[in-house]
Amino acid sequence: MTQAGKLSLGCIADDYTGASDLANTLTRAGLRTVQTIGVPADDLALPEVDAVVVSLKSRSIEAGLAVARSRAAEAWLRDRGAGHILFKICSTFDSTDAGNIGPVMDALRADSKDAIVLVTPAFPETGRTVYQGNLFVGSVPLNESPLKDHPLNPMHDSNLVRVLARQSKNKVGLVDLATLSRGADAVRAKLAELVRAGVGAAVVDAVFDRDLETIGQVALDHGLSVGASGIGLGLARTLAAGKAKSAAVNAVTSAAIGGPAACLAGSCSQATLRQIASAEKVMPVLHLDPEQIIAGRDEAQRALAWAKERLGAGPILIASSSTPDEVAALQSRHGRDAAGHAIEQAMADLAEGLVQSGVRRLVVAGGETSGAVVDRLGIPGFLVGAEIAAGVPVLRAVGAGEGQMVLALKSGNFGGPEFFSDALALMP
């Protein structure tokens, strides 16, 4: 991207898989998009694009650090002409009562000088809807879904007005579906009413795709919005209206990478557990022993030796995933942070070893696992390619020290039962 080029949209994502989801959504809607890992270095060569998604690993870190990293990303994006910033969060609003959504939103709102910020994690295409301020996963409220058992950010309240109010220093209000259904001007009038009442953030209902388009139109009146890829879709459709789609600049080329392929799974979601079970029918799968990892024994080296014996014959999968009950027991014995960190680093060790062994096609399941892997590999950015599943594109590495690589970074809950096979089929 040249210094003269101005961004139509700047995005800050709080984890790497969410960033890939958003980059995929923007690309499908017609915006030329690049995903970076962290705030890019000034000498990183990027093509001319409409949107940049800066990927941070800030969802579950200390709130002050998340704020500092998000503000640095915002400054970089504003310097390149971005008139609107989307703070991209998980569609299940993953956060504790201490943050990090509220603190980051507050800081970015202060920087943007917006009177009020629109907030919605809704993305109907993936079964996430918001009604009367309550987040639904499919047909059930968030706190009744399997996501209530998230190992890092368990969600026990589906009412996002309450959840965000516990995190934010701003008063939080609601724009309900009845208002939204009357169109953009009705939403603008409601926001003005909320501002007069001292409200600084508004959760917005969204049940249908057309709701996202209305939200996108209104959000562009402001300098900041907060939400999942659904609001990104609304923003992109508004920005791309009337312009020809161009995938040529930043699409992944069709040239095959070839060579060994591997999959790593660290997510404990029910979707990923089903995907691992399906993969066992078509490729060798090794389940790591988390107790051995936490004890500091050479579990990763054992797994790497196992992989090297099999890579020549076809794809392999190594999983640290466990059921929610097993994860809870592990955290009880060793502490949540210690257990999570040890397993993430073991998966990063494995990724590094696999790449050193010639793997250039890598599929990673789990947001925290993806972050640890990409950080270890030192990949500064990606060009966005074909969509594997809703919210999960093929990514071609930009500026990777190991040369040409393609990856897929999957949030735990995304993808169908055959996800690993589907991904590899699009990564020749």
Protein backbone atom coordinates (compact mmCIF):
# COMPACT_ATOMS: atom_id res chain seq x y z
CA MET A 1 0.00 0.00 0.00
CA THR A 2 1.50 3.32 -0.98
CA GLN A 3 1.70 6.22 1.43
CA ALA A 4 -0.51 8.20 -0.98
CA GLY A 5 -3.26 5.59 -0.85
CA LYS A 6 -6.06 6.22 1.62
CA LEU A 7 -7.95 3.46 3.33
CA SER A 8 -11.71 3.32 3.09
CA LEU A 9 -11.83 1.26 6.29
CA GLY A 10 -9.42 0.45 9.08
CA CYS A 11 -10.06 -2.49 11.39
CA ILE A 12 -8.56 -3.64 14.68
CA ALA A 13 -9.28 -7.27 15.56
CA ASP A 14 -8.78 -8.66 19.05
CA ASP A 15 -7.60 -12.07 17.82
CA TYR A 16 -6.12 -13.58 14.68
CA THR A 17 -8.94 -15.91 13.65
CA GLY A 18 -11.49 -13.13 14.10
CA ALA A 19 -9.30 -10.95 11.90
CA SER A 20 -9.31 -13.62 9.18
CA ASP A 21 -13.08 -13.89 9.47
CA LEU A 22 -13.44 -10.14 9.02
CA ALA A 23 -10.91 -9.92 6.17
CA ASN A 24 -12.81 -12.69 4.40
CA THR A 25 -16.12 -10.84 4.87
CA LEU A 26 -14.74 -7.55 3.55
CA THR A 27 -13.21 -9.27 0.53
CA ARG A 28 -16.48 -11.03 -0.34
CA ALA A 29 -18.29 -7.68 -0.13
CA GLY A 30 -15.93 -6.11 -2.66
CA LEU A 31 -13.20 -4.40 -0.63
CA ARG A 32 -9.57 -5.18 -1.47
CA THR A 33 -8.29 -6.31 1.92
CA VAL A 34 -5.03 -7.22 3.63
CA GLN A 35 -4.71 -8.72 7.10
CA THR A 36 -1.60 -7.79 9.08
CA ILE A 37 -0.22 -9.42 12.19
CA GLY A 38 0.23 -6.61 14.66
CA VAL A 39 0.90 -3.04 13.61
CA PRO A 40 2.91 -3.33 10.38
CA ALA A 41 6.49 -2.17 10.10
CA ASP A 42 6.93 0.83 7.83
CA ASP A 43 8.98 -1.20 5.36
CA LEU A 44 6.40 -3.98 4.90
CA ALA A 45 5.31 -3.89 1.26
CA LEU A 46 1.54 -4.06 0.94
CA PRO A 47 -0.51 -3.70 -2.24
CA GLU A 48 -2.95 -0.85 -2.80
CA VAL A 49 -6.06 -1.83 -0.84
CA ASP A 50 -9.38 -0.52 0.43
CA ALA A 51 -9.18 -2.01 3.93
CA VAL A 52 -6.55 -3.23 6.35
CA VAL A 53 -7.36 -5.53 9.25
CA VAL A 54 -4.72 -5.24 11.98
CA SER A 55 -4.70 -8.48 13.96
CA LEU A 56 -3.96 -8.23 17.65
CA LYS A 57 -3.86 -10.93 20.28
CA SER A 58 -5.60 -8.73 22.83
CA ARG A 59 -8.83 -10.48 23.76
CA SER A 60 -7.67 -12.12 26.98
CA ILE A 61 -4.62 -10.09 28.02
CA GLU A 62 -4.47 -7.41 30.73
CA ALA A 63 -6.88 -4.60 29.87
CA GLY A 64 -4.32 -1.79 29.96
CA LEU A 65 -2.08 -3.63 27.53
CA ALA A 66 -5.03 -4.34 25.23
CA VAL A 67 -5.87 -0.64 25.23
CA ALA A 68 -2.29 0.39 24.44
CA ARG A 69 -1.98 -2.05 21.54
CA SER A 70 -5.37 -1.10 20.13
CA ARG A 71 -4.56 2.61 20.25
CA ALA A 72 -1.25 1.99 18.45
CA ALA A 73 -3.13 0.14 15.71
CA GLU A 74 -5.69 2.93 15.50
CA ALA A 75 -2.96 5.56 15.11
CA TRP A 76 -1.33 3.58 12.27
CA LEU A 77 -4.66 3.22 10.46
CA ARG A 78 -5.63 6.88 10.92
CA ASP A 79 -2.22 7.93 9.59
CA ARG A 80 -3.10 6.08 6.39
CA GLY A 81 -6.33 7.94 5.93
CA ALA A 82 -8.88 5.60 7.51
CA GLY A 83 -11.93 7.71 8.26
CA HIS A 84 -13.72 4.91 10.10
CA ILE A 85 -12.30 2.32 12.50
CA LEU A 86 -14.04 -0.95 13.32
CA PHE A 87 -12.94 -2.57 16.58
CA LYS A 88 -13.63 -6.18 15.68
CA ILE A 89 -14.67 -8.47 18.55
CA CYS A 90 -15.93 -12.03 18.75
CA SER A 91 -19.52 -12.71 17.70
CA THR A 92 -20.06 -14.28 21.13
CA PHE A 93 -18.79 -11.12 22.90
CA ASP A 94 -15.96 -13.06 24.58
CA SER A 95 -14.86 -11.00 27.57
CA THR A 96 -14.97 -10.93 31.33
CA ASP A 97 -16.52 -8.21 33.47
CA ALA A 98 -13.06 -6.60 33.60
CA GLY A 99 -12.89 -6.33 29.80
CA ASN A 100 -11.42 -6.18 27.34
CA ILE A 101 -14.20 -4.95 25.06
CA GLY A 102 -15.33 -2.08 27.29
CA PRO A 103 -11.91 -0.59 28.13
CA VAL A 104 -10.72 -0.70 24.50
CA MET A 105 -14.00 0.77 23.26
CA ASP A 106 -13.76 3.59 25.80
CA ALA A 107 -10.21 4.48 24.75
CA LEU A 108 -10.92 4.38 21.01
CA ARG A 109 -14.11 6.40 21.51
CA ALA A 110 -12.14 9.08 23.33
CA ASP A 111 -9.60 9.17 20.49
CA SER A 112 -12.32 9.38 17.82
CA LYS A 113 -14.25 12.03 19.79
CA ASP A 114 -17.52 10.29 18.90
CA ALA A 115 -20.51 11.21 21.04
CA ILE A 116 -21.78 7.62 20.83
CA VAL A 117 -20.52 4.28 19.50
CA LEU A 118 -22.63 1.61 17.78
CA VAL A 119 -22.01 -1.90 19.11
CA THR A 120 -23.30 -5.22 17.78
CA PRO A 121 -21.75 -8.70 17.55
CA ALA A 122 -24.63 -9.92 15.37
CA PHE A 123 -23.85 -11.95 12.24
CA PRO A 124 -27.03 -13.79 11.19
CA GLU A 125 -25.16 -15.81 8.55
CA THR A 126 -23.31 -17.60 11.36
CA GLY A 127 -26.30 -17.85 13.68
CA ARG A 128 -25.47 -14.86 15.90
CA THR A 129 -28.37 -12.47 16.37
CA VAL A 130 -29.23 -9.74 18.88
CA TYR A 131 -32.80 -9.03 19.99
CA GLN A 132 -33.78 -6.62 22.77
CA GLY A 133 -30.08 -6.45 23.56
CA ASN A 134 -29.79 -10.20 24.13
CA LEU A 135 -27.28 -12.23 22.10
CA PHE A 136 -28.55 -15.49 20.65
CA VAL A 137 -26.50 -18.41 19.36
CA GLY A 138 -28.84 -20.10 16.94
CA SER A 139 -32.16 -20.36 18.75
CA VAL A 140 -30.89 -20.09 22.34
CA PRO A 141 -29.56 -17.20 24.44
CA LEU A 142 -25.77 -17.07 24.76
CA ASN A 143 -25.82 -18.10 28.41
CA GLU A 144 -27.73 -21.29 27.51
CA SER A 145 -25.46 -22.25 24.61
CA PRO A 146 -22.32 -24.43 24.80
CA LEU A 147 -20.31 -21.18 24.64
CA LYS A 148 -21.19 -20.51 28.27
CA ASP A 149 -18.36 -22.95 29.04
CA HIS A 150 -15.61 -21.09 27.16
CA PRO A 151 -12.35 -21.95 28.99
CA LEU A 152 -11.05 -18.35 29.06
CA ASN A 153 -14.14 -16.16 28.84
CA PRO A 154 -17.23 -18.07 29.98
CA MET A 155 -20.37 -16.11 29.13
CA HIS A 156 -23.15 -16.37 31.70
CA ASP A 157 -25.23 -13.32 30.73
CA SER A 158 -26.80 -12.90 27.29
CA ASN A 159 -27.88 -9.29 27.85
CA LEU A 160 -25.16 -7.24 26.18
CA VAL A 161 -26.35 -3.92 27.60
CA ARG A 162 -25.64 -5.31 31.09
CA VAL A 163 -22.42 -7.05 30.03
CA LEU A 164 -20.95 -3.96 28.37
CA ALA A 165 -22.09 -1.65 31.18
CA ARG A 166 -20.07 -3.73 33.66
CA GLN A 167 -16.93 -3.20 31.55
CA SER A 168 -17.31 0.36 30.27
CA LYS A 169 -17.09 3.73 31.96
CA ASN A 170 -19.77 4.91 29.53
CA LYS A 171 -23.49 4.61 30.02
CA VAL A 172 -24.83 1.93 27.66
CA GLY A 173 -28.19 2.06 25.84
CA LEU A 174 -30.12 0.05 23.26
CA VAL A 175 -31.35 0.59 19.70
CA ASP A 176 -34.04 -2.06 19.38
CA LEU A 177 -35.20 -3.97 16.32
CA ALA A 178 -38.42 -1.96 16.01
CA THR A 179 -36.37 1.24 15.61
CA LEU A 180 -33.88 -0.41 13.27
CA SER A 181 -36.66 -1.71 11.01
CA ARG A 182 -37.76 1.87 10.33
CA GLY A 183 -34.45 2.61 8.62
CA ALA A 184 -31.25 4.60 9.00
CA ASP A 185 -32.88 7.92 9.84
CA ALA A 186 -34.87 6.35 12.67
CA VAL A 187 -31.64 4.90 14.06
CA ARG A 188 -29.96 8.29 13.82
CA ALA A 189 -32.85 9.90 15.70
CA LYS A 190 -32.66 7.24 18.43
CA LEU A 191 -28.90 7.74 18.78
CA ALA A 192 -29.41 11.49 19.17
CA GLU A 193 -31.97 10.78 21.90
CA LEU A 194 -29.52 8.47 23.69
CA VAL A 195 -26.74 11.08 23.48
CA ARG A 196 -29.01 13.65 25.12
CA ALA A 197 -29.55 11.13 27.91
CA GLY A 198 -25.81 10.83 28.47
CA VAL A 199 -25.38 7.45 26.75
CA GLY A 200 -21.96 6.85 25.17
CA ALA A 201 -22.45 3.40 23.64
CA ALA A 202 -25.49 1.75 22.07
CA VAL A 203 -26.00 -1.96 21.58
CA VAL A 204 -27.94 -2.40 18.33
CA ASP A 205 -30.31 -5.28 17.63
CA ALA A 206 -29.82 -7.20 14.38
CA VAL A 207 -31.68 -10.30 13.26
CA PHE A 208 -31.49 -10.18 9.45
CA ASP A 209 -28.72 -9.38 6.97
CA ARG A 210 -30.57 -6.24 5.92
CA ASP A 211 -30.24 -5.00 9.53
CA LEU A 212 -26.46 -5.06 9.13
CA GLU A 213 -26.68 -2.83 6.06
CA THR A 214 -28.72 -0.26 7.97
CA ILE A 215 -26.23 -0.37 10.84
CA GLY A 216 -23.33 0.01 8.40
CA GLN A 217 -24.87 3.11 6.83
CA VAL A 218 -25.33 4.79 10.21
CA ALA A 219 -21.97 3.66 11.63
CA LEU A 220 -20.14 5.50 8.85
CA ASP A 221 -21.51 8.75 10.28
CA HIS A 222 -19.09 8.12 13.15
CA GLY A 223 -15.38 7.52 13.50
CA LEU A 224 -15.68 4.22 15.40
CA SER A 225 -17.89 1.15 15.61
CA VAL A 226 -17.59 -2.06 17.63
CA GLY A 227 -18.75 -5.49 16.55
CA ALA A 228 -18.17 -8.78 14.82
CA SER A 229 -17.81 -9.46 11.10
CA GLY A 230 -21.51 -8.78 10.60
CA ILE A 231 -21.09 -5.05 11.12
CA GLY A 232 -18.03 -5.30 8.89
CA LEU A 233 -20.31 -6.66 6.19
CA GLY A 234 -22.68 -3.71 6.60
CA LEU A 235 -19.80 -1.24 6.44
CA ALA A 236 -18.26 -2.93 3.40
CA ARG A 237 -21.51 -3.08 1.44
CA THR A 238 -22.05 0.63 2.00
CA LEU A 239 -18.46 1.50 1.04
CA ALA A 240 -18.41 -0.81 -1.99
CA ALA A 241 -21.77 0.31 -3.39
CA GLY A 242 -21.40 1.35 -6.99
CA LYS A 243 -17.78 0.27 -7.39
CA ALA A 244 -16.62 -2.73 -9.36
CA LYS A 245 -15.28 -5.61 -7.34
CA SER A 246 -11.57 -6.22 -7.81
CA ALA A 247 -10.07 -9.37 -6.43
CA ALA A 248 -6.97 -9.18 -8.59
CA VAL A 249 -4.89 -6.96 -6.34
CA ASN A 250 -4.99 -8.90 -3.12
CA ALA A 251 -6.39 -12.32 -3.93
CA VAL A 252 -4.27 -15.36 -3.27
CA THR A 253 -2.83 -16.53 -6.55
CA SER A 254 -3.80 -19.94 -7.85
CA ALA A 255 -0.21 -21.20 -7.92
CA ALA A 256 0.11 -24.37 -5.87
CA ILE A 257 2.45 -24.45 -2.88
CA GLY A 258 2.78 -28.24 -2.68
CA GLY A 259 4.80 -30.19 -0.16
CA PRO A 260 3.76 -31.54 3.24
CA ALA A 261 0.60 -30.32 4.96
CA ALA A 262 -0.35 -30.35 8.64
CA CYS A 263 -3.23 -29.39 10.92
CA LEU A 264 -3.05 -28.19 14.54
CA ALA A 265 -6.12 -28.04 16.79
CA GLY A 266 -6.13 -26.25 20.11
CA SER A 267 -9.77 -25.24 20.36
CA CYS A 268 -12.00 -27.07 22.83
CA SER A 269 -15.26 -26.08 21.15
CA GLN A 270 -17.78 -28.76 20.32
CA ALA A 271 -17.45 -27.89 16.62
CA THR A 272 -13.69 -28.47 16.64
CA LEU A 273 -14.03 -31.71 18.62
CA ARG A 274 -16.42 -32.99 15.94
CA GLN A 275 -14.03 -31.88 13.21
CA ILE A 276 -11.15 -33.77 14.84
CA ALA A 277 -13.28 -36.91 15.06
CA SER A 278 -14.09 -36.60 11.38
CA ALA A 279 -10.44 -36.04 10.45
CA GLU A 280 -9.49 -39.29 12.19
CA LYS A 281 -11.26 -41.14 9.37
CA VAL A 282 -8.99 -39.71 6.65
CA MET A 283 -5.62 -38.79 8.20
CA PRO A 284 -3.36 -39.74 11.11
CA VAL A 285 -4.35 -37.85 14.29
CA LEU A 286 -2.27 -37.52 17.46
CA HIS A 287 -3.87 -36.36 20.71
CA LEU A 288 -1.43 -34.58 23.01
CA ASP A 289 -1.36 -35.24 26.75
CA PRO A 290 -1.93 -31.83 28.39
CA GLU A 291 -0.61 -33.06 31.73
CA GLN A 292 2.70 -33.93 30.09
CA ILE A 293 2.83 -30.52 28.41
CA ILE A 294 2.22 -28.63 31.65
CA ALA A 295 4.73 -30.79 33.48
CA GLY A 296 7.37 -29.50 31.07
CA ARG A 297 8.10 -32.87 29.53
CA ASP A 298 8.95 -33.27 25.85
CA GLU A 299 5.41 -33.83 24.62
CA ALA A 300 5.85 -31.43 21.71
CA GLN A 301 9.08 -33.10 20.63
CA ARG A 302 7.42 -36.51 20.80
CA ALA A 303 4.60 -35.21 18.62
CA LEU A 304 7.01 -33.65 16.15
CA ALA A 305 8.89 -36.93 15.80
CA TRP A 306 5.54 -38.67 15.22
CA ALA A 307 4.65 -36.12 12.53
CA LYS A 308 7.96 -36.37 10.69
CA GLU A 309 7.47 -40.11 10.25
CA ARG A 310 4.13 -39.49 8.51
CA LEU A 311 4.34 -36.17 6.62
CA GLY A 312 5.64 -37.80 3.47
CA ALA A 313 2.51 -39.94 3.17
CA GLY A 314 -0.04 -37.11 3.45
CA PRO A 315 -1.59 -34.58 5.86
CA ILE A 316 -1.50 -35.13 9.62
CA LEU A 317 -3.37 -33.56 12.55
CA ILE A 318 -2.08 -32.91 16.08
CA ALA A 319 -4.64 -31.90 18.70
CA SER A 320 -4.44 -30.53 22.21
CA SER A 321 -8.23 -30.14 22.30
CA SER A 322 -10.17 -31.52 25.26
CA THR A 323 -13.77 -31.56 26.41
CA PRO A 324 -15.00 -28.66 28.61
CA ASP A 325 -14.99 -30.92 31.68
CA GLU A 326 -11.41 -32.01 31.01
CA VAL A 327 -10.34 -28.41 30.51
CA ALA A 328 -12.02 -27.34 33.76
CA ALA A 329 -10.27 -30.12 35.67
CA LEU A 330 -6.91 -29.19 34.15
CA GLN A 331 -7.39 -25.53 35.05
CA SER A 332 -8.40 -26.48 38.57
CA ARG A 333 -5.18 -28.42 39.06
CA HIS A 334 -2.76 -26.00 37.41
CA GLY A 335 -4.48 -22.61 37.12
CA ARG A 336 -6.26 -21.25 34.05
CA ASP A 337 -3.48 -18.99 32.79
CA ALA A 338 -0.63 -21.44 33.39
CA ALA A 339 -2.42 -24.29 31.67
CA GLY A 340 -3.48 -22.21 28.69
CA HIS A 341 -0.03 -20.66 28.22
CA ALA A 342 1.78 -23.99 28.37
CA ILE A 343 -0.47 -25.58 25.77
CA GLU A 344 -0.35 -22.56 23.44
CA GLN A 345 3.45 -22.54 23.56
CA ALA A 346 3.59 -26.28 22.89
CA MET A 347 1.43 -25.78 19.80
CA ALA A 348 3.69 -22.92 18.70
CA ASP A 349 6.73 -25.19 19.18
CA LEU A 350 5.04 -27.77 16.99
CA ALA A 351 4.22 -25.27 14.26
CA GLU A 352 7.81 -24.02 14.21
CA GLY A 353 9.14 -27.57 14.03
CA LEU A 354 6.71 -28.54 11.28
CA VAL A 355 7.65 -25.53 9.14
CA GLN A 356 11.34 -26.29 9.66
CA SER A 357 10.53 -29.80 8.44
CA GLY A 358 9.13 -28.45 5.18
CA VAL A 359 5.44 -27.87 5.92
CA ARG A 360 4.15 -24.94 3.86
CA ARG A 361 0.41 -25.67 4.15
CA LEU A 362 -0.82 -25.28 7.71
CA VAL A 363 -4.37 -25.36 9.13
CA VAL A 364 -4.83 -24.10 12.70
CA ALA A 365 -8.03 -24.38 14.77
CA GLY A 366 -8.58 -22.12 17.78
CA GLY A 367 -8.14 -18.39 18.28
CA GLU A 368 -5.51 -18.51 21.02
CA THR A 369 -3.67 -21.34 19.26
CA SER A 370 -3.67 -19.42 15.97
CA GLY A 371 -2.26 -16.36 17.70
CA ALA A 372 0.56 -18.32 19.32
CA VAL A 373 1.40 -20.08 16.04
CA VAL A 374 1.48 -16.98 13.85
CA ASP A 375 3.51 -15.06 16.44
CA ARG A 376 6.07 -17.85 16.59
CA LEU A 377 6.34 -18.10 12.82
CA GLY A 378 6.85 -14.34 12.59
CA ILE A 379 4.46 -13.81 9.69
CA PRO A 380 3.75 -10.06 9.31
CA GLY A 381 0.68 -10.24 7.08
CA PHE A 382 -1.59 -12.16 4.73
CA LEU A 383 -3.33 -11.78 1.41
CA VAL A 384 -6.91 -13.01 1.56
CA GLY A 385 -7.94 -15.87 -0.71
CA ALA A 386 -10.72 -18.39 -1.25
CA GLU A 387 -13.33 -18.98 1.45
CA ILE A 388 -13.12 -22.41 3.06
CA ALA A 389 -16.16 -21.99 5.30
CA ALA A 390 -18.17 -19.01 6.46
CA GLY A 391 -15.66 -16.66 8.05
CA VAL A 392 -12.54 -18.71 7.24
CA PRO A 393 -10.44 -17.85 4.16
CA VAL A 394 -7.22 -19.28 2.79
CA LEU A 395 -4.40 -16.89 3.69
CA ARG A 396 -1.16 -16.48 1.74
CA ALA A 397 1.70 -15.22 3.90
CA VAL A 398 3.28 -11.85 3.09
CA GLY A 399 6.89 -11.30 4.15
CA ALA A 400 7.31 -14.72 5.81
CA GLY A 401 10.93 -15.65 6.48
CA GLU A 402 10.31 -19.21 5.29
CA GLY A 403 9.06 -18.03 1.88
CA GLN A 404 5.77 -19.08 0.29
CA MET A 405 3.20 -20.40 2.76
CA VAL A 406 -0.58 -20.76 2.93
CA LEU A 407 -2.51 -21.03 6.17
CA ALA A 408 -6.05 -21.28 7.44
CA LEU A 409 -6.79 -19.83 10.88
CA LYS A 410 -10.13 -21.03 12.26
CA SER A 411 -12.07 -19.81 15.24
CA GLY A 412 -13.10 -22.81 17.30
CA ASN A 413 -16.81 -22.68 16.50
CA PHE A 414 -16.47 -22.17 12.74
CA GLY A 415 -16.65 -24.69 9.91
CA GLY A 416 -18.49 -27.90 9.17
CA PRO A 417 -17.59 -31.44 10.25
CA GLU A 418 -15.15 -31.94 7.33
CA PHE A 419 -13.38 -28.61 7.87
CA PHE A 420 -9.81 -29.91 7.89
CA SER A 421 -10.27 -31.84 4.64
CA ASP A 422 -12.15 -28.91 3.08
CA ALA A 423 -9.32 -26.54 3.99
CA LEU A 424 -6.58 -28.73 2.58
CA ALA A 425 -8.52 -29.18 -0.66
CA LEU A 426 -8.28 -25.39 -1.22
CA MET A 427 -4.58 -25.29 -0.31
CA PRO A 428 -2.88 -27.29 -3.13
